């Protein structure tokens, strides 16, 4: 795999700016799930991560610890600090983020948690842990790429039907 095109913070800034521009700020909980989906779809589409930051399988779903800590003070409240329009992101990445937001962005954080709790990358990383186990295992790029490539193939087959 090659060097990721940007940082998780740059992707988070892009997502936060989008929701603030729409006057619908999101919380840290939902932001984490959207970062996971950006990473997964980027791995499937381009065979490389969108950002180098680790994603872990927390009880509540996938979390990018560095970004979670950055916005931890908001807990479940919307992230209200103003985000500037991020510049310098590769066009193919912004296009992919836009697609992820179109696909998942209007679901609630709770519905996204429900979804990821049934997806193989999170389940594989949590294997052997009970529901309240607080260990934070990494969700690997390999497991995300495998799952999202299969999702993409299934969508293509369904679209062809």
C-alpha atoms as a PDB file:
ATOM      1  CA  UNK A   1       0.000   0.000   0.000  1.00  0.00           C
ATOM      2  CA  UNK A   2       1.113   3.538  -0.712  1.00  0.00           C
ATOM      3  CA  UNK A   3       1.239   6.603   1.503  1.00  0.00           C
ATOM      4  CA  UNK A   4      -2.253   7.831   2.427  1.00  0.00           C
ATOM      5  CA  UNK A   5      -3.258  11.094   0.760  1.00  0.00           C
ATOM      6  CA  UNK A   6      -4.044  12.968   3.997  1.00  0.00           C
ATOM      7  CA  UNK A   7      -4.666  12.769   7.742  1.00  0.00           C
ATOM      8  CA  UNK A   8      -7.785  11.620   9.548  1.00  0.00           C
ATOM      9  CA  UNK A   9      -8.098  15.180  10.871  1.00  0.00           C
ATOM     10  CA  UNK A  10      -8.308  16.521   7.297  1.00  0.00           C
ATOM     11  CA  UNK A  11     -11.078  14.043   6.498  1.00  0.00           C
ATOM     12  CA  UNK A  12     -12.857  14.893   9.763  1.00  0.00           C
ATOM     13  CA  UNK A  13     -12.588  18.609   8.933  1.00  0.00           C
ATOM     14  CA  UNK A  14     -14.160  17.993   5.529  1.00  0.00           C
ATOM     15  CA  UNK A  15     -17.041  16.025   7.063  1.00  0.00           C
ATOM     16  CA  UNK A  16     -17.586  18.561   9.859  1.00  0.00           C
ATOM     17  CA  UNK A  17     -17.508  21.464   7.420  1.00  0.00           C
ATOM     18  CA  UNK A  18     -20.118  19.758   5.234  1.00  0.00           C
ATOM     19  CA  UNK A  19     -22.533  19.279   8.131  1.00  0.00           C
ATOM     20  CA  UNK A  20     -21.925  22.771   9.498  1.00  0.00           C
ATOM     21  CA  UNK A  21     -22.537  24.221   6.022  1.00  0.00           C
ATOM     22  CA  UNK A  22     -25.846  22.313   5.981  1.00  0.00           C
ATOM     23  CA  UNK A  23     -26.616  23.774   9.460  1.00  0.00           C
ATOM     24  CA  UNK A  24     -26.763  20.246  10.860  1.00  0.00           C
ATOM     25  CA  UNK A  25     -23.647  19.779  13.054  1.00  0.00           C
ATOM     26  CA  UNK A  26     -22.883  16.196  14.017  1.00  0.00           C
ATOM     27  CA  UNK A  27     -21.483  14.685  17.189  1.00  0.00           C
ATOM     28  CA  UNK A  28     -18.238  12.808  17.726  1.00  0.00           C
ATOM     29  CA  UNK A  29     -20.147   9.532  17.843  1.00  0.00           C
ATOM     30  CA  UNK A  30     -21.423   9.880  14.275  1.00  0.00           C
ATOM     31  CA  UNK A  31     -18.160  11.391  13.019  1.00  0.00           C
ATOM     32  CA  UNK A  32     -16.296   8.226  14.064  1.00  0.00           C
ATOM     33  CA  UNK A  33     -18.584   5.988  12.001  1.00  0.00           C
ATOM     34  CA  UNK A  34     -18.258   8.223   8.942  1.00  0.00           C
ATOM     35  CA  UNK A  35     -14.449   8.151   9.219  1.00  0.00           C
ATOM     36  CA  UNK A  36     -14.625   4.345   9.296  1.00  0.00           C
ATOM     37  CA  UNK A  37     -16.795   4.285   6.178  1.00  0.00           C
ATOM     38  CA  UNK A  38     -14.483   6.701   4.345  1.00  0.00           C
ATOM     39  CA  UNK A  39     -11.497   4.510   5.211  1.00  0.00           C
ATOM     40  CA  UNK A  40     -13.265   1.295   4.229  1.00  0.00           C
ATOM     41  CA  UNK A  41     -14.574   2.537   0.899  1.00  0.00           C
ATOM     42  CA  UNK A  42     -11.225   4.174   0.074  1.00  0.00           C
ATOM     43  CA  UNK A  43      -9.453   0.878   0.703  1.00  0.00           C
ATOM     44  CA  UNK A  44     -11.960  -0.928  -1.521  1.00  0.00           C
ATOM     45  CA  UNK A  45     -11.858   1.623  -4.306  1.00  0.00           C
ATOM     46  CA  UNK A  46      -8.155   2.521  -4.420  1.00  0.00           C
ATOM     47  CA  UNK A  47      -6.349  -0.294  -2.565  1.00  0.00           C
ATOM     48  CA  UNK A  48      -4.860   2.240  -0.176  1.00  0.00           C
ATOM     49  CA  UNK A  49      -5.980   3.931   3.037  1.00  0.00           C
ATOM     50  CA  UNK A  50      -7.412   7.448   2.932  1.00  0.00           C
ATOM     51  CA  UNK A  51      -5.462   8.298   6.092  1.00  0.00           C
ATOM     52  CA  UNK A  52      -2.802   6.541   8.197  1.00  0.00           C
ATOM     53  CA  UNK A  53      -4.551   6.867  11.563  1.00  0.00           C
ATOM     54  CA  UNK A  54      -5.608   3.695  13.363  1.00  0.00           C
ATOM     55  CA  UNK A  55      -9.263   2.704  13.648  1.00  0.00           C
ATOM     56  CA  UNK A  56     -10.193   0.591  16.655  1.00  0.00           C
ATOM     57  CA  UNK A  57     -13.210  -1.572  17.508  1.00  0.00           C
ATOM     58  CA  UNK A  58     -14.679   0.079  20.582  1.00  0.00           C
ATOM     59  CA  UNK A  59     -17.889  -1.051  22.244  1.00  0.00           C
ATOM     60  CA  UNK A  60     -19.791   1.697  20.408  1.00  0.00           C
ATOM     61  CA  UNK A  61     -18.287   0.796  17.031  1.00  0.00           C
ATOM     62  CA  UNK A  62     -15.260   1.933  15.031  1.00  0.00           C
ATOM     63  CA  UNK A  63     -13.288   4.819  16.496  1.00  0.00           C
ATOM     64  CA  UNK A  64     -10.247   6.752  15.314  1.00  0.00           C
ATOM     65  CA  UNK A  65      -8.717   7.471  18.752  1.00  0.00           C
ATOM     66  CA  UNK A  66      -6.856  10.650  17.781  1.00  0.00           C
ATOM     67  CA  UNK A  67      -9.998  12.238  16.373  1.00  0.00           C
ATOM     68  CA  UNK A  68     -12.156  10.967  19.214  1.00  0.00           C
ATOM     69  CA  UNK A  69      -9.833  12.636  21.736  1.00  0.00           C
ATOM     70  CA  UNK A  70      -9.784  15.857  19.710  1.00  0.00           C
ATOM     71  CA  UNK A  71     -13.581  16.203  20.105  1.00  0.00           C
ATOM     72  CA  UNK A  72     -14.096  14.309  23.385  1.00  0.00           C
ATOM     73  CA  UNK A  73     -15.286  17.408  25.234  1.00  0.00           C
ATOM     74  CA  UNK A  74     -18.474  17.415  23.143  1.00  0.00           C
ATOM     75  CA  UNK A  75     -19.472  13.941  24.351  1.00  0.00           C
ATOM     76  CA  UNK A  76     -22.877  13.336  22.662  1.00  0.00           C
ATOM     77  CA  UNK A  77     -23.491  16.992  21.811  1.00  0.00           C
ATOM     78  CA  UNK A  78     -22.977  18.358  18.284  1.00  0.00           C
ATOM     79  CA  UNK A  79     -19.431  19.508  17.553  1.00  0.00           C
ATOM     80  CA  UNK A  80     -19.980  23.242  17.541  1.00  0.00           C
ATOM     81  CA  UNK A  81     -16.503  24.624  16.975  1.00  0.00           C
ATOM     82  CA  UNK A  82     -16.409  26.196  13.562  1.00  0.00           C
ATOM     83  CA  UNK A  83     -14.436  24.286  10.955  1.00  0.00           C
ATOM     84  CA  UNK A  84     -12.874  26.010   7.982  1.00  0.00           C
ATOM     85  CA  UNK A  85     -13.388  24.715   4.466  1.00  0.00           C
ATOM     86  CA  UNK A  86     -10.489  22.253   4.143  1.00  0.00           C
ATOM     87  CA  UNK A  87      -8.231  22.709   1.162  1.00  0.00           C
ATOM     88  CA  UNK A  88      -5.671  20.509  -0.470  1.00  0.00           C
ATOM     89  CA  UNK A  89      -7.525  17.196  -0.305  1.00  0.00           C
ATOM     90  CA  UNK A  90      -7.203  15.097  -3.449  1.00  0.00           C
ATOM     91  CA  UNK A  91     -10.269  15.374  -5.686  1.00  0.00           C
ATOM     92  CA  UNK A  92     -10.866  11.624  -5.705  1.00  0.00           C
ATOM     93  CA  UNK A  93     -10.902  11.644  -1.894  1.00  0.00           C
ATOM     94  CA  UNK A  94     -13.394  14.512  -1.664  1.00  0.00           C
ATOM     95  CA  UNK A  95     -15.574  12.745  -4.218  1.00  0.00           C
ATOM     96  CA  UNK A  96     -15.459   9.563  -2.127  1.00  0.00           C
ATOM     97  CA  UNK A  97     -16.219  11.450   1.114  1.00  0.00           C
ATOM     98  CA  UNK A  98     -19.200  13.064  -0.616  1.00  0.00           C
ATOM     99  CA  UNK A  99     -20.433   9.602  -1.645  1.00  0.00           C
ATOM    100  CA  UNK A 100     -20.032   8.283   1.915  1.00  0.00           C
ATOM    101  CA  UNK A 101     -21.936  11.273   3.309  1.00  0.00           C
ATOM    102  CA  UNK A 102     -24.676  10.723   0.707  1.00  0.00           C
ATOM    103  CA  UNK A 103     -24.898   7.056   1.652  1.00  0.00           C
ATOM    104  CA  UNK A 104     -24.573   7.206   5.458  1.00  0.00           C
ATOM    105  CA  UNK A 105     -24.568  10.846   6.503  1.00  0.00           C
ATOM    106  CA  UNK A 106     -28.230  11.248   7.213  1.00  0.00           C
ATOM    107  CA  UNK A 107     -28.480   8.182   9.438  1.00  0.00           C
ATOM    108  CA  UNK A 108     -28.236   8.789  13.165  1.00  0.00           C
ATOM    109  CA  UNK A 109     -25.164   7.802  15.134  1.00  0.00           C
ATOM    110  CA  UNK A 110     -27.249   5.083  16.762  1.00  0.00           C
ATOM    111  CA  UNK A 111     -28.357   3.580  13.466  1.00  0.00           C
ATOM    112  CA  UNK A 112     -24.768   3.650  12.217  1.00  0.00           C
ATOM    113  CA  UNK A 113     -23.683   1.849  15.394  1.00  0.00           C
ATOM    114  CA  UNK A 114     -26.350  -0.772  14.792  1.00  0.00           C
ATOM    115  CA  UNK A 115     -25.070  -1.215  11.227  1.00  0.00           C
ATOM    116  CA  UNK A 116     -21.357  -1.515  12.064  1.00  0.00           C
ATOM    117  CA  UNK A 117     -22.056  -3.988  14.867  1.00  0.00           C
ATOM    118  CA  UNK A 118     -23.171  -6.413  12.157  1.00  0.00           C
ATOM    119  CA  UNK A 119     -20.274  -5.852   9.762  1.00  0.00           C
ATOM    120  CA  UNK A 120     -17.325  -8.258   9.604  1.00  0.00           C
ATOM    121  CA  UNK A 121     -14.481  -5.739  10.189  1.00  0.00           C
ATOM    122  CA  UNK A 122     -15.833  -4.707  13.603  1.00  0.00           C
ATOM    123  CA  UNK A 123     -16.916  -8.256  14.468  1.00  0.00           C
ATOM    124  CA  UNK A 124     -13.496  -9.699  13.544  1.00  0.00           C
ATOM    125  CA  UNK A 125     -11.662  -7.116  15.648  1.00  0.00           C
ATOM    126  CA  UNK A 126     -13.975  -7.801  18.612  1.00  0.00           C
ATOM    127  CA  UNK A 127     -13.802 -11.596  18.244  1.00  0.00           C
ATOM    128  CA  UNK A 128     -13.728 -13.288  21.616  1.00  0.00           C
ATOM    129  CA  UNK A 129     -14.807 -10.154  23.485  1.00  0.00           C
ATOM    130  CA  UNK A 130     -18.119  -9.864  25.234  1.00  0.00           C
ATOM    131  CA  UNK A 131     -20.378  -6.873  24.719  1.00  0.00           C
ATOM    132  CA  UNK A 132     -18.978  -4.853  27.626  1.00  0.00           C
ATOM    133  CA  UNK A 133     -15.284  -5.675  27.072  1.00  0.00           C
ATOM    134  CA  UNK A 134     -13.402  -2.375  26.822  1.00  0.00           C
ATOM    135  CA  UNK A 135     -10.352  -3.660  24.937  1.00  0.00           C
ATOM    136  CA  UNK A 136      -9.684  -1.667  21.784  1.00  0.00           C
ATOM    137  CA  UNK A 137      -8.394  -3.916  19.043  1.00  0.00           C
ATOM    138  CA  UNK A 138      -7.433  -2.480  15.674  1.00  0.00           C
ATOM    139  CA  UNK A 139      -9.782  -2.896  12.742  1.00  0.00           C
ATOM    140  CA  UNK A 140      -7.273  -3.844  10.082  1.00  0.00           C
ATOM    141  CA  UNK A 141      -7.041  -2.365   6.627  1.00  0.00           C
ATOM    142  CA  UNK A 142      -7.189  -5.894   5.268  1.00  0.00           C
ATOM    143  CA  UNK A 143     -10.516  -6.678   6.931  1.00  0.00           C
ATOM    144  CA  UNK A 144     -12.018  -3.366   5.797  1.00  0.00           C
ATOM    145  CA  UNK A 145     -10.763  -3.797   2.224  1.00  0.00           C
ATOM    146  CA  UNK A 146     -12.138  -7.346   2.039  1.00  0.00           C
ATOM    147  CA  UNK A 147     -15.561  -6.346   3.372  1.00  0.00           C
ATOM    148  CA  UNK A 148     -16.006  -3.158   1.354  1.00  0.00           C
ATOM    149  CA  UNK A 149     -14.810  -4.791  -1.874  1.00  0.00           C
ATOM    150  CA  UNK A 150     -17.427  -7.500  -1.334  1.00  0.00           C
ATOM    151  CA  UNK A 151     -20.061  -4.804  -0.662  1.00  0.00           C
ATOM    152  CA  UNK A 152     -19.067  -3.025  -3.863  1.00  0.00           C
ATOM    153  CA  UNK A 153     -19.269  -6.241  -5.889  1.00  0.00           C
ATOM    154  CA  UNK A 154     -22.672  -7.061  -4.401  1.00  0.00           C
ATOM    155  CA  UNK A 155     -23.959  -3.576  -5.255  1.00  0.00           C
ATOM    156  CA  UNK A 156     -22.756  -3.949  -8.837  1.00  0.00           C
ATOM    157  CA  UNK A 157     -24.539  -7.289  -9.178  1.00  0.00           C
ATOM    158  CA  UNK A 158     -27.710  -5.822  -7.674  1.00  0.00           C
ATOM    159  CA  UNK A 159     -27.540  -2.800  -9.979  1.00  0.00           C
ATOM    160  CA  UNK A 160     -27.200  -5.131 -12.968  1.00  0.00           C
ATOM    161  CA  UNK A 161     -30.356  -7.065 -12.009  1.00  0.00           C
END
